[in-house]
Protein backbone atom coordinates (compact mmCIF):
# COMPACT_ATOMS: atom_id res chain seq x y z
CA MET A 1 -93.29 120.12 -47.44
CA SER A 2 -91.61 123.46 -46.86
CA SER A 3 -92.49 126.37 -49.10
CA ALA A 4 -88.90 126.52 -50.32
CA SER A 5 -88.97 122.99 -51.70
CA SER A 6 -92.50 123.24 -53.08
CA SER A 7 -91.71 126.48 -54.90
CA SER A 8 -88.72 124.88 -56.60
CA SER A 9 -90.60 121.76 -57.74
CA THR A 10 -91.12 121.32 -61.46
CA SER A 11 -92.89 118.74 -63.56
CA ALA A 12 -89.52 117.00 -64.04
CA ASP A 13 -89.25 116.38 -60.30
CA LEU A 14 -89.94 112.96 -58.84
CA LEU A 15 -91.59 113.11 -55.42
CA THR A 16 -91.42 110.39 -52.79
CA ASP A 17 -92.76 110.46 -49.24
CA ARG A 18 -89.66 112.23 -47.93
CA LEU A 19 -87.67 113.33 -50.97
CA VAL A 20 -87.68 115.40 -54.12
CA LEU A 21 -85.48 114.09 -56.94
CA ARG A 22 -84.86 117.05 -59.20
CA PRO A 23 -82.56 117.78 -62.14
CA TRP A 24 -79.28 119.57 -61.54
CA THR A 25 -79.13 123.21 -62.60
CA THR A 26 -76.13 124.64 -64.42
CA GLY A 27 -75.53 126.90 -61.40
CA GLU A 28 -75.34 123.89 -59.09
CA ILE A 29 -72.95 122.10 -61.42
CA THR A 30 -70.70 125.18 -61.48
CA ALA A 31 -70.89 125.60 -57.70
CA VAL A 32 -69.93 121.97 -57.07
CA LEU A 33 -67.00 122.20 -59.49
CA ASP A 34 -65.83 125.55 -58.11
CA GLY A 35 -66.21 124.52 -54.48
CA THR A 36 -68.80 127.22 -53.81
CA ARG A 37 -71.14 126.45 -50.89
CA SER A 38 -74.90 126.83 -51.04
CA GLU A 39 -77.18 127.35 -48.06
CA ARG A 40 -79.54 124.86 -49.73
CA TRP A 41 -77.04 121.99 -49.32
CA ALA A 42 -76.50 119.72 -46.33
CA ASP A 43 -73.23 120.64 -44.61
CA ASP A 44 -71.42 117.63 -46.11
CA PHE A 45 -72.77 117.99 -49.69
CA PRO A 46 -71.20 117.52 -52.18
CA ALA A 47 -69.47 114.21 -51.58
CA GLU A 48 -66.69 113.03 -53.89
CA GLY A 49 -69.13 111.12 -56.12
CA ASP A 50 -71.22 114.26 -56.59
CA ARG A 51 -68.12 116.17 -57.72
CA VAL A 52 -67.28 113.41 -60.20
CA ILE A 53 -70.79 113.46 -61.69
CA ALA A 54 -70.82 117.27 -61.88
CA GLY A 55 -67.56 117.11 -63.82
CA LEU A 56 -69.01 114.61 -66.29
CA LEU A 57 -72.36 116.34 -66.90
CA GLY A 58 -70.90 118.75 -69.47
CA ARG A 59 -69.64 115.83 -71.58
CA HIS A 60 -72.89 113.88 -71.30
CA PRO A 61 -75.79 116.25 -72.05
CA ALA A 62 -78.33 113.37 -72.02
CA TRP A 63 -77.57 113.00 -68.30
CA LEU A 64 -79.33 116.35 -67.76
CA GLY A 65 -82.54 115.17 -69.46
CA ALA A 66 -85.65 113.75 -67.84
CA PHE A 67 -84.03 110.32 -67.54
CA GLY A 68 -80.67 111.61 -66.37
CA HIS A 69 -79.07 112.66 -63.10
CA ARG A 70 -80.87 114.34 -60.23
CA LEU A 71 -80.17 115.82 -56.85
CA ILE A 72 -81.76 114.21 -53.78
CA VAL A 73 -83.52 116.85 -51.68
CA GLU A 74 -85.07 116.32 -48.25
CA ARG A 75 -88.65 117.52 -48.46
CA HIS A 76 -88.83 118.65 -44.81
CA THR A 77 -85.65 120.78 -44.94
CA GLY A 78 -85.28 121.58 -48.64
CA LEU A 79 -81.59 120.62 -48.39
CA VAL A 80 -79.68 118.69 -51.07
CA VAL A 81 -78.43 115.48 -49.41
CA GLY A 82 -77.08 113.49 -52.36
CA SER A 83 -77.47 112.63 -55.99
CA ILE A 84 -78.81 109.81 -58.10
CA GLY A 85 -78.83 109.22 -61.79
CA LEU A 86 -79.34 107.10 -64.82
CA PHE A 87 -76.41 106.77 -67.19
CA TRP A 88 -78.48 107.61 -70.27
CA PRO A 89 -79.00 106.51 -73.00
CA PRO A 90 -79.81 102.85 -72.43
CA GLY A 91 -78.04 100.13 -74.38
CA ASP A 92 -80.23 97.28 -75.62
CA GLY A 93 -82.96 98.28 -73.17
CA VAL A 94 -80.65 98.40 -70.13
CA VAL A 95 -79.71 101.59 -68.24
CA GLU A 96 -77.36 101.81 -65.27
CA ILE A 97 -78.24 103.65 -62.07
CA GLY A 98 -75.88 105.19 -59.53
CA TYR A 99 -76.55 106.99 -56.25
CA GLY A 100 -74.98 108.52 -53.20
CA VAL A 101 -76.25 110.11 -50.00
CA VAL A 102 -74.02 112.26 -47.81
CA ALA A 103 -72.75 110.69 -44.59
CA SER A 104 -74.91 112.91 -42.34
CA ARG A 105 -78.09 111.48 -43.90
CA ARG A 106 -77.15 107.81 -44.26
CA GLY A 107 -79.11 105.16 -42.40
CA ARG A 108 -82.45 106.90 -43.00
CA GLY A 109 -83.50 104.88 -46.06
CA TYR A 110 -83.08 107.82 -48.44
CA ALA A 111 -80.91 105.93 -50.94
CA THR A 112 -83.44 103.08 -51.11
CA GLU A 113 -86.38 105.48 -51.46
CA ALA A 114 -84.64 107.44 -54.22
CA THR A 115 -83.41 104.31 -56.03
CA ARG A 116 -86.87 102.77 -56.02
CA ALA A 117 -88.47 105.97 -57.37
CA LEU A 118 -85.93 106.58 -60.13
CA THR A 119 -85.98 102.91 -61.15
CA GLU A 120 -89.76 102.92 -61.44
CA PHE A 121 -89.53 106.11 -63.49
CA ALA A 122 -86.82 104.65 -65.77
CA LEU A 123 -88.98 101.61 -66.46
CA THR A 124 -91.72 103.92 -67.84
CA SER A 125 -89.47 104.66 -70.82
CA PRO A 126 -90.24 102.48 -73.84
CA ASP A 127 -86.45 102.28 -74.35
CA VAL A 128 -85.85 100.59 -70.97
CA HIS A 129 -86.75 97.10 -69.76
CA THR A 130 -83.95 96.74 -67.17
CA VAL A 131 -82.21 99.03 -64.69
CA SER A 132 -78.82 97.73 -63.57
CA ALA A 133 -76.24 98.57 -60.93
CA ASP A 134 -72.82 97.21 -60.08
CA VAL A 135 -71.77 97.29 -56.45
CA GLU A 136 -68.53 96.49 -54.68
CA LEU A 137 -69.01 93.53 -52.35
CA SER A 138 -67.00 95.50 -49.77
CA ASN A 139 -69.94 97.95 -49.61
CA PRO A 140 -72.73 95.98 -47.87
CA SER A 141 -74.79 99.14 -47.30
CA SER A 142 -75.11 99.66 -51.04
CA VAL A 143 -76.00 96.00 -51.52
CA ARG A 144 -78.83 96.45 -49.00
CA VAL A 145 -80.05 99.60 -50.79
CA LEU A 146 -80.41 97.69 -54.04
CA GLU A 147 -82.05 94.68 -52.45
CA LYS A 148 -84.54 96.84 -50.52
CA ALA A 149 -85.29 98.77 -53.73
CA GLY A 150 -86.32 95.50 -55.42
CA PHE A 151 -83.15 94.71 -57.37
CA ARG A 152 -81.98 91.12 -57.72
CA ARG A 153 -78.39 89.91 -57.93
CA TRP A 154 -77.65 88.39 -61.31
CA THR A 155 -73.85 88.33 -61.53
CA THR A 156 -71.00 88.09 -59.06
CA ASP A 157 -67.24 88.11 -59.43
CA GLU A 158 -64.61 88.21 -56.73
CA ASN A 159 -65.02 91.94 -55.97
CA LYS A 160 -68.43 93.07 -57.19
CA ALA A 161 -71.98 92.01 -57.94
CA GLY A 162 -74.35 93.06 -60.67
CA TYR A 163 -77.93 93.82 -59.69
CA ARG A 164 -80.94 94.52 -61.88
CA ALA A 165 -84.58 95.42 -61.75
CA VAL A 166 -86.63 94.25 -64.71
CA ALA A 167 -89.90 95.78 -65.87
CA ALA A 168 -91.72 92.46 -65.37
CA ASP A 169 -90.61 92.51 -61.71
CA ARG A 170 -92.54 95.67 -61.03
């Protein structure tokens, strides 16, 4: 791990083999919304989904908590390459997860690695027994991410499928 990424790690960070999943800072939210570039971001970060989430964070303060939204950081470069989050609080023990990795880092397994880690973390909450995700059937890459992360399809309609990971499955 580079000294830059290790010095920015906090107890709220989730570490995987190749990634750090860390909470957004208010400065990063502002920079994304203002279109300000950071040298700590991959060249194609933020993607549209990251801008949408940044815009919603102010209206959903729980999303900035331990079980909320995080940035996906490559450990070997220290660069932000996407975001992932739980749409907190859970309803009836179920919380939804969403994720995105910038185009320049796709195909490396980062989304699966991050999804698996955040799902396992979510299932440590006594308020959560299921993590769910809806995916457009026209997005087979996202379907593969969920399946590789241990999610199982439980609903399907003509355009999308619902996936879930249940605490008993872990």
